[in-house]
Each structure stands twice: as structure tokens, then as C-alpha cells.
Amino acid sequence: MTVTPQGDEARPGDGLVRAGGIVFIVGAVATLVTMAPLFLHTDPFPSYAWAVCMLMGVGFAVSAAGVLRSAAAQRRAARASQS
């Protein structure tokens, strides 16, 4: 027996997955922008620009937390429906 939400009902963890995706995209764009001067032979960006690139990892971690939260909620719902 599977537990599925009805219609457009939000599940636990959906917000974290969306937020993590947005943060990951910001980090990916920052990485592309920061790497561009290396290929264009111009002056590199300061180190705080490189720190923004770390948002890719943060976004991935936030999304993974959302997936784990969603899985745990589905597991709890499945156990509750078996009782």
C-alpha cells in the first residue's frame, strides 16, 4: 500500500528540497562567474566570491535533508496505516 498526497498537497520536506535547489543554482551560477576570469585571462575575483561558490554544497545538503524528511514522513504514514 502506498501513501500519496491528494492533488497539490505539500508533503513534509518539499520546501527544503525547493530551497536547496534554489541555493544550489545560485552557487552554480557563482561558480561559473568566478571561473570565467580564469579562462578569459583577466584578474580573478576576490576570495569572498569564491566563498559564494560553496553554496552549491549547502544547497545539496539542504535538498538531501528535505528528501530524508520526506522519506521519514512516508515511513511513519505507512506504519500508521498498517496499524
PDB file of N, CA and C in Angstrom:
ATOM      1  N   MET A   1       0.844  -1.178   0.000  1.00  0.00           N
ATOM      2  CA  MET A   1       0.000   0.000   0.000  1.00  0.00           C
ATOM      3  C   MET A   1       0.885   1.236   0.000  1.00  0.00           C
ATOM      4  N   THR A   2       0.646   2.160  -0.903  1.00  0.00           N
ATOM      5  CA  THR A   2       1.428   3.375  -0.978  1.00  0.00           C
ATOM      6  C   THR A   2       0.628   4.535  -0.423  1.00  0.00           C
ATOM      7  N   VAL A   3       1.356   5.461   0.174  1.00  0.00           N
ATOM      8  CA  VAL A   3       0.730   6.655   0.729  1.00  0.00           C
ATOM      9  C   VAL A   3       1.088   7.820  -0.182  1.00  0.00           C
ATOM     10  N   THR A   4       0.108   8.390  -0.852  1.00  0.00           N
ATOM     11  CA  THR A   4       0.358   9.510  -1.752  1.00  0.00           C
ATOM     12  C   THR A   4      -0.500  10.691  -1.343  1.00  0.00           C
ATOM     13  N   PRO A   5       0.015  11.901  -1.494  1.00  0.00           N
ATOM     14  CA  PRO A   5      -0.783  13.079  -1.166  1.00  0.00           C
ATOM     15  C   PRO A   5      -1.863  13.301  -2.216  1.00  0.00           C
ATOM     16  N   GLN A   6      -2.900  13.961  -1.825  1.00  0.00           N
ATOM     17  CA  GLN A   6      -4.011  14.250  -2.726  1.00  0.00           C
ATOM     18  C   GLN A   6      -3.760  15.572  -3.459  1.00  0.00           C
ATOM     19  N   GLY A   7      -3.814  15.561  -4.765  1.00  0.00           N
ATOM     20  CA  GLY A   7      -3.694  16.790  -5.570  1.00  0.00           C
ATOM     21  C   GLY A   7      -2.355  17.488  -5.395  1.00  0.00           C
ATOM     22  N   ASP A   8      -2.434  18.764  -5.125  1.00  0.00           N
ATOM     23  CA  ASP A   8      -1.235  19.588  -4.968  1.00  0.00           C
ATOM     24  C   ASP A   8      -0.828  19.745  -3.509  1.00  0.00           C
ATOM     25  N   GLU A   9      -1.208  18.807  -2.683  1.00  0.00           N
ATOM     26  CA  GLU A   9      -0.904  18.862  -1.252  1.00  0.00           C
ATOM     27  C   GLU A   9       0.605  18.800  -1.046  1.00  0.00           C
ATOM     28  N   ALA A  10       1.127  19.707  -0.228  1.00  0.00           N
ATOM     29  CA  ALA A  10       2.563  19.734   0.044  1.00  0.00           C
ATOM     30  C   ALA A  10       2.920  18.647   1.053  1.00  0.00           C
ATOM     31  N   ARG A  11       4.012  17.971   0.794  1.00  0.00           N
ATOM     32  CA  ARG A  11       4.490  16.922   1.691  1.00  0.00           C
ATOM     33  C   ARG A  11       5.600  17.496   2.555  1.00  0.00           C
ATOM     34  N   PRO A  12       5.853  16.852   3.692  1.00  0.00           N
ATOM     35  CA  PRO A  12       6.986  17.295   4.519  1.00  0.00           C
ATOM     36  C   PRO A  12       8.283  17.184   3.727  1.00  0.00           C
ATOM     37  N   GLY A  13       9.102  18.190   3.796  1.00  0.00           N
ATOM     38  CA  GLY A  13      10.387  18.191   3.106  1.00  0.00           C
ATOM     39  C   GLY A  13      10.365  18.850   1.746  1.00  0.00           C
ATOM     40  N   ASP A  14       9.176  19.090   1.178  1.00  0.00           N
ATOM     41  CA  ASP A  14       9.111  19.717  -0.154  1.00  0.00           C
ATOM     42  C   ASP A  14       9.740  21.108  -0.154  1.00  0.00           C
ATOM     43  N   GLY A  15       9.486  21.863   0.881  1.00  0.00           N
ATOM     44  CA  GLY A  15      10.049  23.211   0.970  1.00  0.00           C
ATOM     45  C   GLY A  15      11.570  23.192   1.045  1.00  0.00           C
ATOM     46  N   LEU A  16      12.095  22.230   1.795  1.00  0.00           N
ATOM     47  CA  LEU A  16      13.554  22.119   1.893  1.00  0.00           C
ATOM     48  C   LEU A  16      14.171  21.748   0.553  1.00  0.00           C
ATOM     49  N   VAL A  17      13.524  20.875  -0.179  1.00  0.00           N
ATOM     50  CA  VAL A  17      14.051  20.479  -1.491  1.00  0.00           C
ATOM     51  C   VAL A  17      14.044  21.672  -2.443  1.00  0.00           C
ATOM     52  N   ARG A  18      12.961  22.431  -2.443  1.00  0.00           N
ATOM     53  CA  ARG A  18      12.900  23.625  -3.317  1.00  0.00           C
ATOM     54  C   ARG A  18      13.947  24.655  -2.928  1.00  0.00           C
ATOM     55  N   ALA A  19      14.039  24.939  -1.623  1.00  0.00           N
ATOM     56  CA  ALA A  19      15.018  25.930  -1.154  1.00  0.00           C
ATOM     57  C   ALA A  19      16.436  25.468  -1.463  1.00  0.00           C
ATOM     58  N   GLY A  20      16.712  24.190  -1.255  1.00  0.00           N
ATOM     59  CA  GLY A  20      18.039  23.662  -1.565  1.00  0.00           C
ATOM     60  C   GLY A  20      18.361  23.759  -3.039  1.00  0.00           C
ATOM     61  N   GLY A  21      17.361  23.524  -3.892  1.00  0.00           N
ATOM     62  CA  GLY A  21      17.572  23.660  -5.327  1.00  0.00           C
ATOM     63  C   GLY A  21      17.919  25.080  -5.732  1.00  0.00           C
ATOM     64  N   ILE A  22      17.224  26.037  -5.128  1.00  0.00           N
ATOM     65  CA  ILE A  22      17.496  27.447  -5.432  1.00  0.00           C
ATOM     66  C   ILE A  22      18.891  27.831  -4.967  1.00  0.00           C
ATOM     67  N   VAL A  23      19.261  27.422  -3.743  1.00  0.00           N
ATOM     68  CA  VAL A  23      20.596  27.737  -3.218  1.00  0.00           C
ATOM     69  C   VAL A  23      21.665  27.069  -4.078  1.00  0.00           C
ATOM     70  N   PHE A  24      21.419  25.847  -4.519  1.00  0.00           N
ATOM     71  CA  PHE A  24      22.373  25.151  -5.384  1.00  0.00           C
ATOM     72  C   PHE A  24      22.557  25.903  -6.696  1.00  0.00           C
ATOM     73  N   ILE A  25      21.471  26.357  -7.288  1.00  0.00           N
ATOM     74  CA  ILE A  25      21.563  27.092  -8.562  1.00  0.00           C
ATOM     75  C   ILE A  25      22.341  28.389  -8.387  1.00  0.00           C
ATOM     76  N   VAL A  26      22.103  29.094  -7.276  1.00  0.00           N
ATOM     77  CA  VAL A  26      22.859  30.329  -7.006  1.00  0.00           C
ATOM     78  C   VAL A  26      24.349  30.003  -6.904  1.00  0.00           C
ATOM     79  N   GLY A  27      24.681  28.920  -6.209  1.00  0.00           N
ATOM     80  CA  GLY A  27      26.085  28.514  -6.096  1.00  0.00           C
ATOM     81  C   GLY A  27      26.684  28.119  -7.435  1.00  0.00           C
ATOM     82  N   ALA A  28      25.884  27.449  -8.279  1.00  0.00           N
ATOM     83  CA  ALA A  28      26.386  27.042  -9.598  1.00  0.00           C
ATOM     84  C   ALA A  28      26.654  28.256 -10.485  1.00  0.00           C
ATOM     85  N   VAL A  29      25.750  29.215 -10.452  1.00  0.00           N
ATOM     86  CA  VAL A  29      25.966  30.440 -11.238  1.00  0.00           C
ATOM     87  C   VAL A  29      27.187  31.188 -10.714  1.00  0.00           C
ATOM     88  N   ALA A  30      27.328  31.253  -9.395  1.00  0.00           N
ATOM     89  CA  ALA A  30      28.503  31.916  -8.815  1.00  0.00           C
ATOM     90  C   ALA A  30      29.783  31.208  -9.232  1.00  0.00           C
ATOM     91  N   THR A  31      29.741  29.893  -9.318  1.00  0.00           N
ATOM     92  CA  THR A  31      30.923  29.146  -9.747  1.00  0.00           C
ATOM     93  C   THR A  31      31.282  29.475 -11.190  1.00  0.00           C
ATOM     94  N   LEU A  32      30.273  29.518 -12.055  1.00  0.00           N
ATOM     95  CA  LEU A  32      30.544  29.869 -13.458  1.00  0.00           C
ATOM     96  C   LEU A  32      31.121  31.274 -13.582  1.00  0.00           C
ATOM     97  N   VAL A  33      30.535  32.209 -12.847  1.00  0.00           N
ATOM     98  CA  VAL A  33      31.003  33.599 -12.913  1.00  0.00           C
ATOM     99  C   VAL A  33      32.421  33.709 -12.349  1.00  0.00           C
ATOM    100  N   THR A  34      32.690  32.996 -11.274  1.00  0.00           N
ATOM    101  CA  THR A  34      34.003  33.082 -10.639  1.00  0.00           C
ATOM    102  C   THR A  34      35.084  32.417 -11.481  1.00  0.00           C
ATOM    103  N   MET A  35      34.723  31.365 -12.210  1.00  0.00           N
ATOM    104  CA  MET A  35      35.703  30.672 -13.039  1.00  0.00           C
ATOM    105  C   MET A  35      35.973  31.383 -14.370  1.00  0.00           C
ATOM    106  N   ALA A  36      35.056  32.223 -14.813  1.00  0.00           N
ATOM    107  CA  ALA A  36      35.190  32.888 -16.114  1.00  0.00           C
ATOM    108  C   ALA A  36      36.492  33.679 -16.259  1.00  0.00           C
ATOM    109  N   PRO A  37      36.915  34.460 -15.258  1.00  0.00           N
ATOM    110  CA  PRO A  37      38.173  35.208 -15.434  1.00  0.00           C
ATOM    111  C   PRO A  37      39.397  34.307 -15.647  1.00  0.00           C
ATOM    112  N   LEU A  38      39.333  33.096 -15.155  1.00  0.00           N
ATOM    113  CA  LEU A  38      40.474  32.200 -15.357  1.00  0.00           C
ATOM    114  C   LEU A  38      40.621  31.817 -16.820  1.00  0.00           C
ATOM    115  N   PHE A  39      39.499  31.686 -17.510  1.00  0.00           N
ATOM    116  CA  PHE A  39      39.530  31.334 -18.931  1.00  0.00           C
ATOM    117  C   PHE A  39      39.664  32.554 -19.837  1.00  0.00           C
ATOM    118  N   LEU A  40      39.259  33.712 -19.323  1.00  0.00           N
ATOM    119  CA  LEU A  40      39.329  34.945 -20.120  1.00  0.00           C
ATOM    120  C   LEU A  40      40.619  35.719 -19.891  1.00  0.00           C
ATOM    121  N   HIS A  41      41.487  35.165 -19.043  1.00  0.00           N
ATOM    122  CA  HIS A  41      42.789  35.776 -18.743  1.00  0.00           C
ATOM    123  C   HIS A  41      42.639  37.200 -18.213  1.00  0.00           C
ATOM    124  N   THR A  42      41.707  37.384 -17.290  1.00  0.00           N
ATOM    125  CA  THR A  42      41.542  38.669 -16.612  1.00  0.00           C
ATOM    126  C   THR A  42      41.857  38.466 -15.142  1.00  0.00           C
ATOM    127  N   ASP A  43      41.755  39.551 -14.374  1.00  0.00           N
ATOM    128  CA  ASP A  43      42.038  39.461 -12.941  1.00  0.00           C
ATOM    129  C   ASP A  43      40.977  38.606 -12.251  1.00  0.00           C
ATOM    130  N   PRO A  44      41.400  37.707 -11.360  1.00  0.00           N
ATOM    131  CA  PRO A  44      40.429  36.860 -10.662  1.00  0.00           C
ATOM    132  C   PRO A  44      39.609  37.665  -9.649  1.00  0.00           C
ATOM    133  N   PHE A  45      38.459  37.120  -9.299  1.00  0.00           N
ATOM    134  CA  PHE A  45      37.601  37.754  -8.300  1.00  0.00           C
ATOM    135  C   PHE A  45      38.202  37.585  -6.912  1.00  0.00           C
ATOM    136  N   PRO A  46      37.810  38.451  -5.965  1.00  0.00           N
ATOM    137  CA  PRO A  46      38.331  38.303  -4.594  1.00  0.00           C
ATOM    138  C   PRO A  46      37.817  37.011  -3.938  1.00  0.00           C
ATOM    139  N   SER A  47      38.402  36.675  -2.798  1.00  0.00           N
ATOM    140  CA  SER A  47      38.097  35.398  -2.169  1.00  0.00           C
ATOM    141  C   SER A  47      36.658  35.275  -1.682  1.00  0.00           C
ATOM    142  N   TYR A  48      35.977  36.375  -1.378  1.00  0.00           N
ATOM    143  CA  TYR A  48      34.580  36.241  -0.946  1.00  0.00           C
ATOM    144  C   TYR A  48      33.707  35.733  -2.094  1.00  0.00           C
ATOM    145  N   ALA A  49      34.087  35.994  -3.327  1.00  0.00           N
ATOM    146  CA  ALA A  49      33.336  35.459  -4.464  1.00  0.00           C
ATOM    147  C   ALA A  49      33.502  33.934  -4.530  1.00  0.00           C
ATOM    148  N   TRP A  50      34.670  33.457  -4.179  1.00  0.00           N
ATOM    149  CA  TRP A  50      34.880  32.006  -4.155  1.00  0.00           C
ATOM    150  C   TRP A  50      34.070  31.381  -3.026  1.00  0.00           C
ATOM    151  N   ALA A  51      33.891  32.100  -1.928  1.00  0.00           N
ATOM    152  CA  ALA A  51      33.100  31.580  -0.812  1.00  0.00           C
ATOM    153  C   ALA A  51      31.637  31.380  -1.212  1.00  0.00           C
ATOM    154  N   VAL A  52      31.125  32.232  -2.103  1.00  0.00           N
ATOM    155  CA  VAL A  52      29.745  32.097  -2.561  1.00  0.00           C
ATOM    156  C   VAL A  52      29.572  30.787  -3.346  1.00  0.00           C
ATOM    157  N   CYS A  53      30.628  30.324  -3.959  1.00  0.00           N
ATOM    158  CA  CYS A  53      30.572  29.056  -4.702  1.00  0.00           C
ATOM    159  C   CYS A  53      30.244  27.888  -3.784  1.00  0.00           C
ATOM    160  N   MET A  54      30.532  28.019  -2.512  1.00  0.00           N
ATOM    161  CA  MET A  54      30.258  26.944  -1.559  1.00  0.00           C
ATOM    162  C   MET A  54      28.764  26.730  -1.356  1.00  0.00           C
ATOM    163  N   LEU A  55      27.952  27.642  -1.875  1.00  0.00           N
ATOM    164  CA  LEU A  55      26.506  27.472  -1.755  1.00  0.00           C
ATOM    165  C   LEU A  55      26.014  26.241  -2.513  1.00  0.00           C
ATOM    166  N   MET A  56      26.787  25.773  -3.478  1.00  0.00           N
ATOM    167  CA  MET A  56      26.386  24.543  -4.179  1.00  0.00           C
ATOM    168  C   MET A  56      26.303  23.383  -3.193  1.00  0.00           C
ATOM    169  N   GLY A  57      27.298  23.243  -2.364  1.00  0.00           N
ATOM    170  CA  GLY A  57      27.298  22.176  -1.366  1.00  0.00           C
ATOM    171  C   GLY A  57      26.224  22.369  -0.317  1.00  0.00           C
ATOM    172  N   VAL A  58      26.017  23.603   0.093  1.00  0.00           N
ATOM    173  CA  VAL A  58      24.975  23.893   1.075  1.00  0.00           C
ATOM    174  C   VAL A  58      23.601  23.560   0.498  1.00  0.00           C
ATOM    175  N   GLY A  59      23.367  23.947  -0.738  1.00  0.00           N
ATOM    176  CA  GLY A  59      22.086  23.647  -1.382  1.00  0.00           C
ATOM    177  C   GLY A  59      21.855  22.160  -1.514  1.00  0.00           C
ATOM    178  N   PHE A  60      22.915  21.426  -1.839  1.00  0.00           N
ATOM    179  CA  PHE A  60      22.793  19.978  -1.948  1.00  0.00           C
ATOM    180  C   PHE A  60      22.443  19.372  -0.596  1.00  0.00           C
ATOM    181  N   ALA A  61      23.077  19.856   0.475  1.00  0.00           N
ATOM    182  CA  ALA A  61      22.808  19.332   1.814  1.00  0.00           C
ATOM    183  C   ALA A  61      21.380  19.640   2.250  1.00  0.00           C
ATOM    184  N   VAL A  62      20.892  20.851   1.953  1.00  0.00           N
ATOM    185  CA  VAL A  62      19.527  21.218   2.321  1.00  0.00           C
ATOM    186  C   VAL A  62      18.529  20.345   1.559  1.00  0.00           C
ATOM    187  N   SER A  63      18.770  20.127   0.283  1.00  0.00           N
ATOM    188  CA  SER A  63      17.888  19.261  -0.505  1.00  0.00           C
ATOM    189  C   SER A  63      17.905  17.829   0.019  1.00  0.00           C
ATOM    190  N   ALA A  64      19.068  17.333   0.372  1.00  0.00           N
ATOM    191  CA  ALA A  64      19.170  15.978   0.913  1.00  0.00           C
ATOM    192  C   ALA A  64      18.404  15.869   2.232  1.00  0.00           C
ATOM    193  N   ALA A  65      18.466  16.907   3.064  1.00  0.00           N
ATOM    194  CA  ALA A  65      17.703  16.903   4.314  1.00  0.00           C
ATOM    195  C   ALA A  65      16.206  16.867   4.028  1.00  0.00           C
ATOM    196  N   GLY A  66      15.771  17.575   2.998  1.00  0.00           N
ATOM    197  CA  GLY A  66      14.359  17.546   2.622  1.00  0.00           C
ATOM    198  C   GLY A  66      13.921  16.178   2.144  1.00  0.00           C
ATOM    199  N   VAL A  67      14.768  15.508   1.371  1.00  0.00           N
ATOM    200  CA  VAL A  67      14.448  14.168   0.894  1.00  0.00           C
ATOM    201  C   VAL A  67      14.372  13.194   2.070  1.00  0.00           C
ATOM    202  N   LEU A  68      15.301  13.300   3.002  1.00  0.00           N
ATOM    203  CA  LEU A  68      15.273  12.426   4.170  1.00  0.00           C
ATOM    204  C   LEU A  68      14.037  12.686   5.028  1.00  0.00           C
ATOM    205  N   ARG A  69      13.664  13.951   5.174  1.00  0.00           N
ATOM    206  CA  ARG A  69      12.467  14.285   5.950  1.00  0.00           C
ATOM    207  C   ARG A  69      11.215  13.725   5.276  1.00  0.00           C
ATOM    208  N   SER A  70      11.144  13.830   3.968  1.00  0.00           N
ATOM    209  CA  SER A  70      10.010  13.286   3.224  1.00  0.00           C
ATOM    210  C   SER A  70       9.941  11.773   3.361  1.00  0.00           C
ATOM    211  N   ALA A  71      11.076  11.111   3.272  1.00  0.00           N
ATOM    212  CA  ALA A  71      11.112   9.654   3.402  1.00  0.00           C
ATOM    213  C   ALA A  71      10.670   9.224   4.794  1.00  0.00           C
ATOM    214  N   ALA A  72      11.117   9.944   5.814  1.00  0.00           N
ATOM    215  CA  ALA A  72      10.719   9.604   7.180  1.00  0.00           C
ATOM    216  C   ALA A  72       9.218   9.789   7.379  1.00  0.00           C
ATOM    217  N   ALA A  73       8.659  10.843   6.807  1.00  0.00           N
ATOM    218  CA  ALA A  73       7.217  11.078   6.930  1.00  0.00           C
ATOM    219  C   ALA A  73       6.422   9.990   6.218  1.00  0.00           C
ATOM    220  N   GLN A  74       6.895   9.557   5.052  1.00  0.00           N
ATOM    221  CA  GLN A  74       6.220   8.477   4.333  1.00  0.00           C
ATOM    222  C   GLN A  74       6.309   7.169   5.106  1.00  0.00           C
ATOM    223  N   ARG A  75       7.451   6.932   5.741  1.00  0.00           N
ATOM    224  CA  ARG A  75       7.610   5.722   6.538  1.00  0.00           C
ATOM    225  C   ARG A  75       6.657   5.731   7.731  1.00  0.00           C
ATOM    226  N   ARG A  76       6.541   6.884   8.409  1.00  0.00           N
ATOM    227  CA  ARG A  76       5.615   6.995   9.538  1.00  0.00           C
ATOM    228  C   ARG A  76       4.176   6.795   9.096  1.00  0.00           C
ATOM    229  N   ALA A  77       3.815   7.387   7.955  1.00  0.00           N
ATOM    230  CA  ALA A  77       2.451   7.243   7.445  1.00  0.00           C
ATOM    231  C   ALA A  77       2.147   5.790   7.067  1.00  0.00           C
ATOM    232  N   ALA A  78       3.126   5.105   6.498  1.00  0.00           N
ATOM    233  CA  ALA A  78       2.919   3.707   6.131  1.00  0.00           C
ATOM    234  C   ALA A  78       2.744   2.840   7.368  1.00  0.00           C
ATOM    235  N   ARG A  79       3.539   3.105   8.426  1.00  0.00           N
ATOM    236  CA  ARG A  79       3.387   2.362   9.668  1.00  0.00           C
ATOM    237  C   ARG A  79       2.045   2.619  10.320  1.00  0.00           C
ATOM    238  N   ALA A  80       1.602   3.875  10.263  1.00  0.00           N
ATOM    239  CA  ALA A  80       0.320   4.230  10.876  1.00  0.00           C
ATOM    240  C   ALA A  80      -0.849   3.571  10.129  1.00  0.00           C
ATOM    241  N   SER A  81      -0.729   3.437   8.815  1.00  0.00           N
ATOM    242  CA  SER A  81      -1.816   2.826   8.047  1.00  0.00           C
ATOM    243  C   SER A  81      -1.867   1.310   8.234  1.00  0.00           C
ATOM    244  N   GLN A  82      -0.753   0.701   8.627  1.00  0.00           N
ATOM    245  CA  GLN A  82      -0.729  -0.744   8.862  1.00  0.00           C
ATOM    246  C   GLN A  82      -1.369  -1.107  10.191  1.00  0.00           C
ATOM    247  N   SER A  83      -1.393  -0.180  11.115  1.00  0.00           N
ATOM    248  CA  SER A  83      -1.930  -0.456  12.460  1.00  0.00           C
ATOM    249  C   SER A  83      -3.425  -0.494  12.470  1.00  0.00           C
TER     250      SER A  83
END
